Amino acid sequence: MTRSFAKWDQRIERASELAAAHSFAAEALRFYERIASFQKSLYAGLEGTPGSLRGGLELSVLLPWFPPFLSLITDIAPPPLARSAAELRSDVLEEFWRNGGQLSAAETLIAWTFLQPYAERLADQAGAAETQAALCPHCSRRPLVGVLRQLGDGAKRSLICSLCATEWDYRRIVCPACGEENVDKLPVYVAEELPHVRVEACDTCRHYLKTIDLTKDGRAVPVVDELAAIPLSLWASENRYTKWSPNLLGL
């Protein structure tokens, strides 16, 4: 199995592991497992698909997958999201891809979840890209999660795109949402339940990003561990911080 396909198994296995360990996140992670299994199949089915993250959608290859995906959401999602899936039309995919702002929260979530493996496939086929900006170098979307990795006696930070999962290096002490660099305005919160996950907040713009510290848990899978860190999301909300890019749970 290639590394590209193995990463989906790592995500699914990590979700199962965290669901067994943390009852507060179990329901969300079981939901994610089902979604990720579908996404893995879609990603595999799109091998060699032409296209560009800055171009139009290849709807001819995507549309055969869309009805089964909506059926899955209808079966496993909470009632409000399930109802939205049952009524959804495929034109929301084009609207989301153009980064349009006319979609409801439910429509945005469904379109994003479906198109994420397509975007990741295109990014993987495009290869490495670099930027010093806070937006993805491939698709210009916001990051979903940050990552800390060992660098000498400290750690370096990178960001992972919310849509295509591209990872790129980014400065450690700066808010990606507004560029604030004053450390006194960049509080960090860590919950006892998941000590390797941090809320990196900003008192200037009131946004936050979760960051996974791989120096504390090298087995973590950032997009999954971020999803599991529900206590951190609750803390941030109670303290009037808004996540810069919501995850699968809308958190």
Protein backbone atom coordinates (compact mmCIF):
# COMPACT_ATOMS: atom_id res chain seq x y z
CA MET A 1 0.00 0.00 0.00
CA THR A 2 1.38 3.42 -0.89
CA ARG A 3 2.02 6.08 1.71
CA SER A 4 -0.85 8.16 0.25
CA PHE A 5 -3.38 5.43 1.03
CA ALA A 6 -1.78 4.47 4.35
CA LYS A 7 -2.42 7.94 5.79
CA TRP A 8 -6.17 7.29 5.64
CA ASP A 9 -5.75 4.07 7.63
CA GLN A 10 -3.67 5.98 10.17
CA ARG A 11 -6.48 8.51 10.58
CA ILE A 12 -9.14 5.81 10.99
CA GLU A 13 -7.04 3.78 13.43
CA ARG A 14 -6.22 6.86 15.49
CA ALA A 15 -9.90 7.80 15.68
CA SER A 16 -10.73 4.33 16.97
CA GLU A 17 -7.93 4.50 19.54
CA LEU A 18 -8.99 7.92 20.85
CA ALA A 19 -12.67 6.94 20.91
CA ALA A 20 -11.83 4.02 23.19
CA ALA A 21 -9.71 6.22 25.45
CA HIS A 22 -11.92 9.32 25.72
CA SER A 23 -15.66 8.84 26.22
CA PHE A 24 -16.33 12.58 25.78
CA ALA A 25 -15.20 12.33 22.15
CA ALA A 26 -16.30 8.78 21.32
CA GLU A 27 -19.48 9.65 19.42
CA ALA A 28 -17.77 12.29 17.31
CA LEU A 29 -14.84 10.01 16.52
CA ARG A 30 -17.07 7.08 15.53
CA PHE A 31 -18.84 9.45 13.16
CA TYR A 32 -15.48 10.53 11.78
CA GLU A 33 -14.41 6.90 11.28
CA ARG A 34 -17.37 6.30 8.96
CA ILE A 35 -16.74 9.52 7.07
CA ALA A 36 -13.01 8.85 6.73
CA SER A 37 -13.65 5.34 5.39
CA PHE A 38 -15.77 6.83 2.61
CA GLN A 39 -13.18 9.56 2.00
CA LYS A 40 -10.47 6.92 1.69
CA SER A 41 -12.45 5.11 -0.99
CA LEU A 42 -13.10 8.35 -2.86
CA TYR A 43 -9.44 9.33 -2.65
CA ALA A 44 -8.42 5.94 -4.06
CA GLY A 45 -11.01 6.18 -6.84
CA LEU A 46 -9.67 9.55 -7.96
CA GLU A 47 -6.11 8.41 -8.69
CA GLY A 48 -4.85 10.18 -11.80
CA THR A 49 -7.80 12.58 -11.90
CA PRO A 50 -6.90 15.71 -13.89
CA GLY A 51 -7.52 19.11 -12.44
CA SER A 52 -6.14 21.93 -10.37
CA LEU A 53 -6.96 23.27 -6.93
CA ARG A 54 -7.27 26.71 -8.50
CA GLY A 55 -9.33 25.48 -11.45
CA GLY A 56 -12.87 24.19 -11.86
CA LEU A 57 -14.30 20.98 -10.44
CA GLU A 58 -14.10 17.76 -12.44
CA LEU A 59 -17.78 17.05 -11.79
CA SER A 60 -17.89 14.14 -14.21
CA VAL A 61 -15.69 12.08 -11.89
CA LEU A 62 -17.21 13.37 -8.66
CA LEU A 63 -20.94 13.15 -9.27
CA PRO A 64 -21.17 9.31 -9.28
CA TRP A 65 -19.81 9.40 -5.71
CA PHE A 66 -22.12 12.12 -4.43
CA PRO A 67 -25.43 10.21 -3.96
CA PRO A 68 -23.78 7.41 -1.93
CA PHE A 69 -22.07 10.03 0.20
CA LEU A 70 -25.35 11.84 0.88
CA SER A 71 -26.96 8.50 1.77
CA LEU A 72 -24.18 7.87 4.28
CA ILE A 73 -24.64 11.30 5.86
CA THR A 74 -28.40 10.76 6.01
CA ASP A 75 -27.84 7.45 7.83
CA ILE A 76 -25.19 8.44 10.37
CA ALA A 77 -25.35 12.20 10.95
CA PRO A 78 -27.34 14.02 13.65
CA PRO A 79 -30.92 14.77 12.48
CA PRO A 80 -30.40 18.40 11.35
CA LEU A 81 -27.40 17.49 9.19
CA ALA A 82 -29.13 14.33 7.93
CA ARG A 83 -32.13 16.37 6.78
CA SER A 84 -29.86 18.78 4.95
CA ALA A 85 -28.12 15.89 3.20
CA ALA A 86 -31.45 14.42 2.10
CA GLU A 87 -32.39 17.71 0.44
CA LEU A 88 -28.99 18.73 -0.95
CA ARG A 89 -28.36 19.34 -4.64
CA SER A 90 -25.03 18.88 -6.36
CA ASP A 91 -24.75 22.57 -7.29
CA VAL A 92 -23.53 23.25 -3.74
CA LEU A 93 -20.25 21.61 -4.75
CA GLU A 94 -19.51 24.27 -7.36
CA GLU A 95 -20.57 27.02 -4.96
CA PHE A 96 -18.27 25.73 -2.22
CA TRP A 97 -15.36 25.23 -4.62
CA ARG A 98 -15.64 28.87 -5.68
CA ASN A 99 -15.44 29.75 -1.97
CA GLY A 100 -18.90 31.26 -2.18
CA GLY A 101 -20.51 32.67 0.92
CA GLN A 102 -24.13 31.86 0.10
CA LEU A 103 -24.23 28.35 1.57
CA SER A 104 -25.71 27.47 4.93
CA ALA A 105 -23.49 26.02 7.64
CA ALA A 106 -24.86 22.53 6.94
CA GLU A 107 -24.37 22.85 3.17
CA THR A 108 -20.82 24.09 3.70
CA LEU A 109 -20.00 21.21 6.05
CA ILE A 110 -21.37 18.55 3.69
CA ALA A 111 -19.68 20.01 0.59
CA TRP A 112 -16.37 20.41 2.43
CA THR A 113 -16.44 16.85 3.79
CA PHE A 114 -17.16 15.41 0.35
CA LEU A 115 -14.62 17.52 -1.54
CA GLN A 116 -11.79 17.22 0.98
CA PRO A 117 -10.36 13.93 -0.41
CA TYR A 118 -10.66 15.30 -3.97
CA ALA A 119 -8.69 18.40 -2.96
CA GLU A 120 -6.16 16.27 -1.10
CA ARG A 121 -5.70 14.06 -4.16
CA LEU A 122 -5.03 17.12 -6.36
CA ALA A 123 -2.59 18.54 -3.80
CA ASP A 124 -0.71 15.24 -3.56
CA GLN A 125 -0.46 15.06 -7.34
CA ALA A 126 0.77 18.65 -7.52
CA GLY A 127 3.64 18.03 -5.10
CA ALA A 128 5.28 20.27 -2.55
CA ALA A 129 4.52 23.98 -2.28
CA GLU A 130 5.88 26.65 0.04
CA THR A 131 4.62 29.93 1.42
CA GLN A 132 5.25 32.29 4.30
CA ALA A 133 1.58 33.23 4.42
CA ALA A 134 -1.10 31.86 6.76
CA LEU A 135 -3.20 30.50 3.87
CA CYS A 136 -2.56 27.25 2.01
CA PRO A 137 -0.01 27.55 -0.81
CA HIS A 138 -2.07 25.20 -2.99
CA CYS A 139 -5.69 26.33 -2.53
CA SER A 140 -5.54 29.49 -0.37
CA ARG A 141 -7.85 28.03 2.28
CA ARG A 142 -7.40 28.53 6.01
CA PRO A 143 -5.51 26.02 8.16
CA LEU A 144 -7.48 23.50 10.20
CA VAL A 145 -4.78 22.66 12.73
CA GLY A 146 -1.21 23.45 13.67
CA VAL A 147 1.61 21.00 14.37
CA LEU A 148 4.69 21.28 16.58
CA ARG A 149 7.71 19.11 15.73
CA GLN A 150 11.11 18.84 17.37
CA LEU A 151 13.73 21.30 16.13
CA GLY A 152 16.97 21.39 18.08
CA ASP A 153 16.15 22.21 21.70
CA GLY A 154 12.72 23.57 20.78
CA ALA A 155 9.94 22.96 18.31
CA LYS A 156 8.94 24.35 14.94
CA ARG A 157 5.34 24.98 13.86
CA SER A 158 3.57 24.08 10.66
CA LEU A 159 -0.03 24.45 9.53
CA ILE A 160 -2.31 21.91 7.82
CA CYS A 161 -4.87 23.11 5.28
CA SER A 162 -8.53 22.59 6.12
CA LEU A 163 -9.36 21.56 2.55
CA CYS A 164 -6.45 19.84 0.80
CA ALA A 165 -4.44 18.80 3.91
CA THR A 166 -1.26 20.43 2.58
CA GLU A 167 1.22 21.13 5.36
CA TRP A 168 3.57 24.11 5.33
CA ASP A 169 6.00 25.74 7.78
CA TYR A 170 4.82 28.82 9.62
CA ARG A 171 6.30 31.10 12.27
CA ARG A 172 5.89 29.90 15.84
CA ILE A 173 4.88 33.06 17.76
CA VAL A 174 2.30 34.78 15.56
CA CYS A 175 -1.47 34.59 15.13
CA PRO A 176 -2.18 33.21 11.63
CA ALA A 177 -5.58 34.93 11.59
CA CYS A 178 -4.43 38.53 12.14
CA GLY A 179 -0.62 38.52 12.37
CA GLU A 180 -0.41 39.53 16.04
CA GLU A 181 3.13 38.90 17.35
CA ASN A 182 2.92 40.19 20.94
CA VAL A 183 3.33 37.07 23.06
CA ASP A 184 1.31 38.69 25.87
CA LYS A 185 -1.70 38.72 23.54
CA LEU A 186 -1.28 35.09 22.43
CA PRO A 187 -2.47 32.91 25.34
CA VAL A 188 -2.11 29.12 25.22
CA TYR A 189 -4.45 26.67 26.97
CA VAL A 190 -3.90 22.93 27.47
CA ALA A 191 -6.49 20.53 28.93
CA GLU A 192 -5.53 17.77 31.34
CA GLU A 193 -7.33 15.15 29.22
CA LEU A 194 -5.18 15.79 26.12
CA PRO A 195 -1.91 17.41 27.20
CA HIS A 196 -0.42 17.25 23.70
CA VAL A 197 -3.15 19.46 22.23
CA ARG A 198 -2.99 23.24 22.67
CA VAL A 199 -5.41 26.06 22.05
CA GLU A 200 -3.32 28.89 20.61
CA ALA A 201 -5.57 31.94 20.97
CA CYS A 202 -5.30 35.62 20.10
CA ASP A 203 -6.65 38.40 22.28
CA THR A 204 -6.44 40.85 19.39
CA CYS A 205 -8.75 39.16 16.86
CA ARG A 206 -10.33 36.62 19.29
CA HIS A 207 -9.59 33.68 16.97
CA TYR A 208 -7.85 30.46 17.91
CA LEU A 209 -6.19 27.44 16.35
CA LYS A 210 -5.61 24.05 17.92
CA THR A 211 -2.05 22.81 17.63
CA ILE A 212 -0.88 19.21 18.11
CA ASP A 213 2.44 18.93 19.92
CA LEU A 214 4.16 15.87 18.46
CA THR A 215 7.05 16.34 20.87
CA LYS A 216 4.65 15.22 23.62
CA ASP A 217 2.83 12.47 21.65
CA GLY A 218 4.56 11.29 18.51
CA ARG A 219 1.70 8.91 17.69
CA ALA A 220 -0.84 11.70 17.30
CA VAL A 221 -2.52 12.28 13.93
CA PRO A 222 -3.16 16.03 13.83
CA VAL A 223 -6.49 16.13 11.96
CA VAL A 224 -7.89 13.43 14.26
CA ASP A 225 -6.49 14.59 17.58
CA GLU A 226 -7.75 18.09 16.82
CA LEU A 227 -11.24 16.68 16.36
CA ALA A 228 -11.06 14.75 19.63
CA ALA A 229 -10.10 17.81 21.68
CA ILE A 230 -13.69 18.80 22.47
CA PRO A 231 -12.87 20.12 25.97
CA LEU A 232 -10.53 22.65 24.36
CA SER A 233 -13.26 23.81 21.98
CA LEU A 234 -15.62 24.29 24.92
CA TRP A 235 -13.00 26.25 26.85
CA ALA A 236 -12.36 28.50 23.85
CA SER A 237 -16.06 29.13 23.32
CA GLU A 238 -16.61 29.94 27.00
CA ASN A 239 -13.78 32.46 26.75
CA ARG A 240 -15.27 34.04 23.62
CA TYR A 241 -12.67 32.82 21.13
CA THR A 242 -13.78 31.70 17.66
CA LYS A 243 -12.03 28.94 15.74
CA TRP A 244 -10.52 30.33 12.56
CA SER A 245 -11.55 27.25 10.56
CA PRO A 246 -14.22 24.87 11.96
CA ASN A 247 -13.72 21.11 11.88
CA LEU A 248 -16.07 18.27 10.97
CA LEU A 249 -18.14 18.93 14.10
CA GLY A 250 -18.47 22.61 13.32
CA LEU A 251 -16.11 23.34 16.24
